[in-house]
Amino acid sequence: MDTLEIISVRDNPEFKEMAIQYFQRVWASPASMKVYEDSIENCLGTKSPLPQWYLLLRDNEIIGCGGLITNDFISRMDLYPWVCAVYIEENYRGSNFGALIIEKAKEDTKKGGFSNLYLCTDHIGYYEKLGFEHIGTGYHPWGDSSRIYSIEV
């Protein structure tokens, strides 16, 4: 029987190196490798509710990840926290595993004293199915824009 588990790196620092390598592999460019390393290392031991970094394990194998951060490189710095870097390995997509990461981020958002969770994405349809509402457009430092979504927690 499959065992699914969401690991908070903050609560399980023994997963720090594994998390850094995984996030770098699936999200980082050569220029952004240090962004993930620094953020994950510095989420440990902080009293702030943010950032949080998650690994989704299936039978002790990493099959996905996500984060909860103060800003996802977007112009709407008045909004936070943001769920970010949600990723599910291709052969596990379609099983609603991404929703598990989102639910964990929602729980930690609420625990942190926040009433809304935000995300920016170019995907249309997926996050609406999870209850997110499109609230506008935000702009990235590199010149692109993304749709911004919100959900009450």
Protein backbone atom coordinates (compact mmCIF):
# COMPACT_ATOMS: atom_id res chain seq x y z
CA MET A 1 0.00 0.00 0.00
CA ASP A 2 1.26 3.48 -0.92
CA THR A 3 2.19 5.85 1.86
CA LEU A 4 1.93 9.56 1.06
CA GLU A 5 3.50 12.08 3.41
CA ILE A 6 4.07 15.81 3.27
CA ILE A 7 7.30 16.81 4.98
CA SER A 8 7.84 20.35 6.25
CA VAL A 9 11.56 20.98 5.98
CA ARG A 10 11.32 23.42 8.88
CA ASP A 11 9.89 20.68 11.10
CA ASN A 12 12.20 18.03 9.67
CA PRO A 13 15.62 19.67 9.15
CA GLU A 14 17.18 16.32 8.29
CA PHE A 15 15.48 16.76 4.87
CA LYS A 16 17.22 20.11 4.22
CA GLU A 17 19.88 18.93 1.76
CA MET A 18 17.46 16.64 -0.05
CA ALA A 19 14.98 19.53 -0.36
CA ILE A 20 17.62 21.95 -1.66
CA GLN A 21 18.73 19.49 -4.33
CA TYR A 22 15.16 18.67 -5.36
CA PHE A 23 13.96 22.29 -5.62
CA GLN A 24 17.10 23.23 -7.52
CA ARG A 25 16.58 20.34 -9.94
CA VAL A 26 12.93 21.07 -10.71
CA TRP A 27 12.81 24.89 -10.43
CA ALA A 28 16.19 26.59 -10.51
CA SER A 29 18.12 28.07 -13.39
CA PRO A 30 21.90 28.36 -13.07
CA ALA A 31 21.37 31.94 -11.86
CA SER A 32 18.78 31.01 -9.20
CA MET A 33 20.36 27.96 -7.55
CA LYS A 34 21.38 30.00 -4.49
CA VAL A 35 17.85 31.41 -4.06
CA TYR A 36 16.48 27.98 -3.13
CA GLU A 37 19.51 26.97 -1.09
CA ASP A 38 19.50 30.18 0.96
CA SER A 39 15.75 30.26 1.55
CA ILE A 40 15.52 26.61 2.57
CA GLU A 41 18.55 26.87 4.87
CA ASN A 42 17.16 30.00 6.51
CA CYS A 43 13.66 28.66 7.11
CA LEU A 44 15.18 26.48 9.83
CA GLY A 45 15.07 27.85 13.34
CA THR A 46 13.15 31.04 12.52
CA LYS A 47 10.19 32.12 14.64
CA SER A 48 8.50 33.68 11.62
CA PRO A 49 5.75 31.54 10.07
CA LEU A 50 7.37 32.08 6.65
CA PRO A 51 8.98 30.64 4.64
CA GLN A 52 7.95 27.00 4.63
CA TRP A 53 9.21 24.39 2.17
CA TYR A 54 7.49 21.04 1.60
CA LEU A 55 8.36 17.71 0.07
CA LEU A 56 5.71 15.20 -0.97
CA LEU A 57 6.92 11.66 -0.38
CA ARG A 58 5.41 8.45 -1.71
CA ASP A 59 6.93 5.40 -0.05
CA ASN A 60 9.93 7.58 0.96
CA GLU A 61 10.53 8.80 -2.63
CA ILE A 62 10.14 12.52 -3.40
CA ILE A 63 7.37 12.94 -5.96
CA GLY A 64 6.60 16.63 -5.49
CA CYS A 65 7.22 19.85 -3.67
CA GLY A 66 5.90 23.30 -2.83
CA GLY A 67 6.58 26.35 -0.73
CA LEU A 68 4.91 29.05 1.31
CA ILE A 69 6.70 32.39 1.00
CA THR A 70 6.35 36.15 1.49
CA ASN A 71 6.53 37.07 -2.22
CA ASP A 72 6.78 35.08 -5.45
CA PHE A 73 8.86 37.65 -7.39
CA ILE A 74 5.70 39.58 -8.25
CA SER A 75 4.68 43.24 -8.04
CA ARG A 76 1.87 42.71 -5.51
CA MET A 77 4.03 42.91 -2.41
CA ASP A 78 0.98 43.97 -0.42
CA LEU A 79 -0.33 40.39 -0.67
CA TYR A 80 1.09 37.43 1.28
CA PRO A 81 1.71 34.59 1.91
CA TRP A 82 2.14 32.96 -1.50
CA VAL A 83 2.12 29.27 -2.30
CA CYS A 84 4.94 28.69 -4.77
CA ALA A 85 6.99 26.10 -6.59
CA VAL A 86 4.22 23.48 -6.60
CA TYR A 87 5.53 20.59 -8.63
CA ILE A 88 4.46 16.97 -9.07
CA GLU A 89 6.62 14.50 -10.98
CA GLU A 90 5.10 13.84 -14.38
CA ASN A 91 4.24 10.18 -13.84
CA TYR A 92 2.26 11.12 -10.68
CA ARG A 93 0.20 13.93 -12.19
CA GLY A 94 -3.55 13.50 -12.47
CA SER A 95 -3.86 11.97 -8.99
CA ASN A 96 -4.65 15.26 -7.22
CA PHE A 97 -1.33 15.20 -5.35
CA GLY A 98 -0.82 18.92 -5.96
CA ALA A 99 -3.95 19.54 -3.89
CA LEU A 100 -2.25 17.86 -0.92
CA ILE A 101 0.59 20.40 -1.03
CA ILE A 102 -1.93 23.26 -1.38
CA GLU A 103 -3.89 21.98 1.64
CA LYS A 104 -0.72 21.88 3.75
CA ALA A 105 0.11 25.43 2.67
CA LYS A 106 -3.44 26.51 3.58
CA GLU A 107 -3.10 24.92 7.04
CA ASP A 108 0.21 26.67 7.68
CA THR A 109 -1.20 29.95 6.34
CA LYS A 110 -3.99 29.77 8.89
CA LYS A 111 -1.60 28.70 11.70
CA GLY A 112 0.57 31.69 10.82
CA GLY A 113 -2.35 34.05 11.46
CA PHE A 114 -3.14 34.89 7.84
CA SER A 115 -6.65 34.83 6.38
CA ASN A 116 -5.81 34.48 2.67
CA LEU A 117 -3.36 32.52 0.57
CA TYR A 118 -2.17 33.77 -2.83
CA LEU A 119 -0.50 32.32 -5.88
CA CYS A 120 0.64 33.50 -9.28
CA THR A 121 0.48 31.26 -12.30
CA ASP A 122 -0.14 31.03 -16.01
CA HIS A 123 -2.23 27.87 -15.53
CA ILE A 124 -5.92 28.47 -16.07
CA GLY A 125 -8.44 25.99 -14.67
CA TYR A 126 -6.42 23.94 -12.19
CA TYR A 127 -6.35 26.29 -9.21
CA GLU A 128 -9.97 27.36 -9.74
CA LYS A 129 -10.94 23.70 -9.15
CA LEU A 130 -9.23 23.98 -5.76
CA GLY A 131 -11.28 27.05 -4.79
CA PHE A 132 -8.88 29.84 -5.80
CA GLU A 133 -10.34 32.99 -7.36
CA HIS A 134 -8.60 35.04 -10.02
CA ILE A 135 -8.11 38.55 -8.56
CA GLY A 136 -5.86 40.29 -11.07
CA THR A 137 -2.52 40.42 -12.82
CA GLY A 138 0.92 40.90 -11.33
CA TYR A 139 4.24 41.75 -12.94
CA HIS A 140 7.61 40.04 -12.53
CA PRO A 141 11.00 41.81 -12.41
CA TRP A 142 12.02 40.09 -15.67
CA GLY A 143 9.13 41.69 -17.58
CA ASP A 144 6.55 38.88 -17.65
CA SER A 145 3.13 38.96 -16.02
CA SER A 146 1.10 36.26 -14.26
CA ARG A 147 -2.45 35.77 -13.12
CA ILE A 148 -2.90 36.24 -9.35
CA TYR A 149 -5.25 34.02 -7.38
CA SER A 150 -6.53 34.13 -3.81
CA ILE A 151 -8.28 31.74 -1.47
CA GLU A 152 -9.61 32.33 2.02
CA VAL A 153 -8.21 29.95 4.60
